[in-house]
Amino acid sequence: MREDFDKEHAASARNVPYYLSVTPQGKEKNPRFVEEVSALYGKEEPLIVGCRTGVRSKLATADLINVGRYVSISGFENAKSLQGGYLAFLQSAAADQQQ
């Protein structure tokens, strides 16, 4: 969510929300997610998709890769999810610095 990105993120990261909000009815998926990512990145570019814990980024990456199955555009074949999310990335970086 936007709050997570505002707290901390990688230096060159851009925020494209996968979910717009959380309501009593559940999470509202961003209907323009793929379109917004397409405006920022080319389909051939390597793309790392991240979130706080890795759950949203895994779903978002699947949507980016599979978009070509549903519409007449190619998917982001080089999109990868940041496994474990940004928190796992920070833990790994901290462990590397201690060595």
C-alpha atoms as a PDB file:
ATOM      1  CA  MET A   1       0.000   0.000   0.000  1.00  0.00           C
ATOM      2  CA  ARG A   2       1.033   3.613  -0.409  1.00  0.00           C
ATOM      3  CA  GLU A   3       1.896   3.954   3.294  1.00  0.00           C
ATOM      4  CA  ASP A   4       4.466   1.149   3.023  1.00  0.00           C
ATOM      5  CA  PHE A   5       6.129   2.816   0.047  1.00  0.00           C
ATOM      6  CA  ASP A   6       6.169   6.217   1.757  1.00  0.00           C
ATOM      7  CA  LYS A   7       7.914   4.772   4.830  1.00  0.00           C
ATOM      8  CA  GLU A   8      10.808   3.238   2.932  1.00  0.00           C
ATOM      9  CA  HIS A   9      11.700   1.922  -0.504  1.00  0.00           C
ATOM     10  CA  ALA A  10      14.646   1.220  -2.785  1.00  0.00           C
ATOM     11  CA  ALA A  11      16.255   4.333  -4.251  1.00  0.00           C
ATOM     12  CA  SER A  12      15.036   3.887  -7.838  1.00  0.00           C
ATOM     13  CA  ALA A  13      11.661   2.334  -6.966  1.00  0.00           C
ATOM     14  CA  ARG A  14       8.390   3.627  -8.349  1.00  0.00           C
ATOM     15  CA  ASN A  15       5.036   3.039  -6.700  1.00  0.00           C
ATOM     16  CA  VAL A  16       2.235   1.554  -8.775  1.00  0.00           C
ATOM     17  CA  PRO A  17      -0.399   0.288  -6.334  1.00  0.00           C
ATOM     18  CA  TYR A  18      -1.752  -3.197  -6.978  1.00  0.00           C
ATOM     19  CA  TYR A  19      -4.555  -2.552  -4.505  1.00  0.00           C
ATOM     20  CA  LEU A  20      -6.200   0.861  -4.259  1.00  0.00           C
ATOM     21  CA  SER A  21      -7.752   0.435  -0.828  1.00  0.00           C
ATOM     22  CA  VAL A  22      -8.918  -1.995   1.774  1.00  0.00           C
ATOM     23  CA  THR A  23     -12.641  -1.819   2.457  1.00  0.00           C
ATOM     24  CA  PRO A  24     -14.984  -3.841   4.664  1.00  0.00           C
ATOM     25  CA  GLN A  25     -15.798  -5.818   1.497  1.00  0.00           C
ATOM     26  CA  GLY A  26     -12.119  -6.637   0.931  1.00  0.00           C
ATOM     27  CA  LYS A  27      -9.238  -5.292  -1.110  1.00  0.00           C
ATOM     28  CA  GLU A  28     -10.015  -3.227  -4.187  1.00  0.00           C
ATOM     29  CA  LYS A  29      -7.649  -4.174  -7.002  1.00  0.00           C
ATOM     30  CA  ASN A  30      -6.298  -1.355  -9.170  1.00  0.00           C
ATOM     31  CA  PRO A  31      -8.069  -1.872 -12.534  1.00  0.00           C
ATOM     32  CA  ARG A  32      -5.361   0.176 -14.296  1.00  0.00           C
ATOM     33  CA  PHE A  33      -2.376  -1.604 -12.717  1.00  0.00           C
ATOM     34  CA  VAL A  34      -0.966  -3.127 -15.920  1.00  0.00           C
ATOM     35  CA  GLU A  35      -1.652   0.073 -17.872  1.00  0.00           C
ATOM     36  CA  GLU A  36       0.174   2.181 -15.255  1.00  0.00           C
ATOM     37  CA  VAL A  37       3.174  -0.152 -15.228  1.00  0.00           C
ATOM     38  CA  SER A  38       3.202  -0.103 -19.049  1.00  0.00           C
ATOM     39  CA  ALA A  39       3.447   3.690 -18.986  1.00  0.00           C
ATOM     40  CA  LEU A  40       6.624   3.466 -16.876  1.00  0.00           C
ATOM     41  CA  TYR A  41       8.407   0.387 -18.223  1.00  0.00           C
ATOM     42  CA  GLY A  42       8.820  -1.426 -21.503  1.00  0.00           C
ATOM     43  CA  LYS A  43       7.608  -5.015 -21.719  1.00  0.00           C
ATOM     44  CA  GLU A  44      11.124  -6.262 -22.497  1.00  0.00           C
ATOM     45  CA  GLU A  45      12.811  -4.520 -19.548  1.00  0.00           C
ATOM     46  CA  PRO A  46      13.850  -6.533 -16.504  1.00  0.00           C
ATOM     47  CA  LEU A  47      11.430  -5.580 -13.744  1.00  0.00           C
ATOM     48  CA  ILE A  48      11.557  -6.416 -10.043  1.00  0.00           C
ATOM     49  CA  VAL A  49       8.161  -6.132  -8.376  1.00  0.00           C
ATOM     50  CA  GLY A  50       8.198  -5.649  -4.633  1.00  0.00           C
ATOM     51  CA  CYS A  51       6.000  -4.944  -1.654  1.00  0.00           C
ATOM     52  CA  ARG A  52       6.461  -5.124   2.106  1.00  0.00           C
ATOM     53  CA  THR A  53       6.198  -8.907   2.585  1.00  0.00           C
ATOM     54  CA  GLY A  54       6.078 -10.346  -0.940  1.00  0.00           C
ATOM     55  CA  VAL A  55       2.406 -11.324  -1.086  1.00  0.00           C
ATOM     56  CA  ARG A  56       1.123  -8.443  -3.219  1.00  0.00           C
ATOM     57  CA  SER A  57       4.217  -8.454  -5.415  1.00  0.00           C
ATOM     58  CA  LYS A  58       3.724 -12.151  -6.205  1.00  0.00           C
ATOM     59  CA  LEU A  59       0.127 -11.479  -7.309  1.00  0.00           C
ATOM     60  CA  ALA A  60       1.125  -8.352  -9.235  1.00  0.00           C
ATOM     61  CA  THR A  61       3.958 -10.157 -11.025  1.00  0.00           C
ATOM     62  CA  ALA A  62       1.603 -12.940 -12.089  1.00  0.00           C
ATOM     63  CA  ASP A  63      -0.783 -10.348 -13.533  1.00  0.00           C
ATOM     64  CA  LEU A  64       2.043  -8.627 -15.421  1.00  0.00           C
ATOM     65  CA  ILE A  65       3.327 -11.879 -16.905  1.00  0.00           C
ATOM     66  CA  ASN A  66      -0.102 -13.297 -17.722  1.00  0.00           C
ATOM     67  CA  VAL A  67      -1.653 -10.144 -19.206  1.00  0.00           C
ATOM     68  CA  GLY A  68      -0.924 -11.440 -22.707  1.00  0.00           C
ATOM     69  CA  ARG A  69      -3.271 -14.369 -22.151  1.00  0.00           C
ATOM     70  CA  TYR A  70      -6.256 -12.060 -21.734  1.00  0.00           C
ATOM     71  CA  VAL A  71      -5.635  -9.160 -24.107  1.00  0.00           C
ATOM     72  CA  SER A  72      -3.822  -8.732 -27.394  1.00  0.00           C
ATOM     73  CA  ILE A  73      -0.644  -7.315 -25.865  1.00  0.00           C
ATOM     74  CA  SER A  74       2.428  -9.177 -24.721  1.00  0.00           C
ATOM     75  CA  GLY A  75       3.086  -9.683 -21.041  1.00  0.00           C
ATOM     76  CA  PHE A  76       6.060  -8.552 -19.002  1.00  0.00           C
ATOM     77  CA  GLU A  77       8.061 -11.761 -19.485  1.00  0.00           C
ATOM     78  CA  ASN A  78      11.046 -10.367 -17.534  1.00  0.00           C
ATOM     79  CA  ALA A  79       9.066  -9.410 -14.421  1.00  0.00           C
ATOM     80  CA  LYS A  80      10.213 -11.048 -11.186  1.00  0.00           C
ATOM     81  CA  SER A  81       8.733 -10.829  -7.701  1.00  0.00           C
ATOM     82  CA  LEU A  82      11.040  -9.813  -4.844  1.00  0.00           C
ATOM     83  CA  GLN A  83      10.708 -13.006  -2.807  1.00  0.00           C
ATOM     84  CA  GLY A  84       9.823 -12.229   0.795  1.00  0.00           C
ATOM     85  CA  GLY A  85       9.315  -8.571  -0.063  1.00  0.00           C
ATOM     86  CA  TYR A  86      11.225  -5.494   0.985  1.00  0.00           C
ATOM     87  CA  LEU A  87      11.491  -6.650   4.612  1.00  0.00           C
ATOM     88  CA  ALA A  88      13.344  -9.819   3.555  1.00  0.00           C
ATOM     89  CA  PHE A  89      15.561  -7.730   1.283  1.00  0.00           C
ATOM     90  CA  LEU A  90      16.503  -5.476   4.214  1.00  0.00           C
ATOM     91  CA  GLN A  91      17.227  -8.472   6.457  1.00  0.00           C
ATOM     92  CA  SER A  92      19.435 -10.013   3.787  1.00  0.00           C
ATOM     93  CA  ALA A  93      21.307  -6.739   3.258  1.00  0.00           C
ATOM     94  CA  ALA A  94      21.847  -6.358   7.022  1.00  0.00           C
ATOM     95  CA  ALA A  95      23.190  -9.921   7.248  1.00  0.00           C
ATOM     96  CA  ASP A  96      25.581  -9.246   4.354  1.00  0.00           C
ATOM     97  CA  GLN A  97      26.899  -6.110   6.087  1.00  0.00           C
ATOM     98  CA  GLN A  98      27.591  -8.034   9.298  1.00  0.00           C
ATOM     99  CA  GLN A  99      29.824 -10.535   7.485  1.00  0.00           C
END
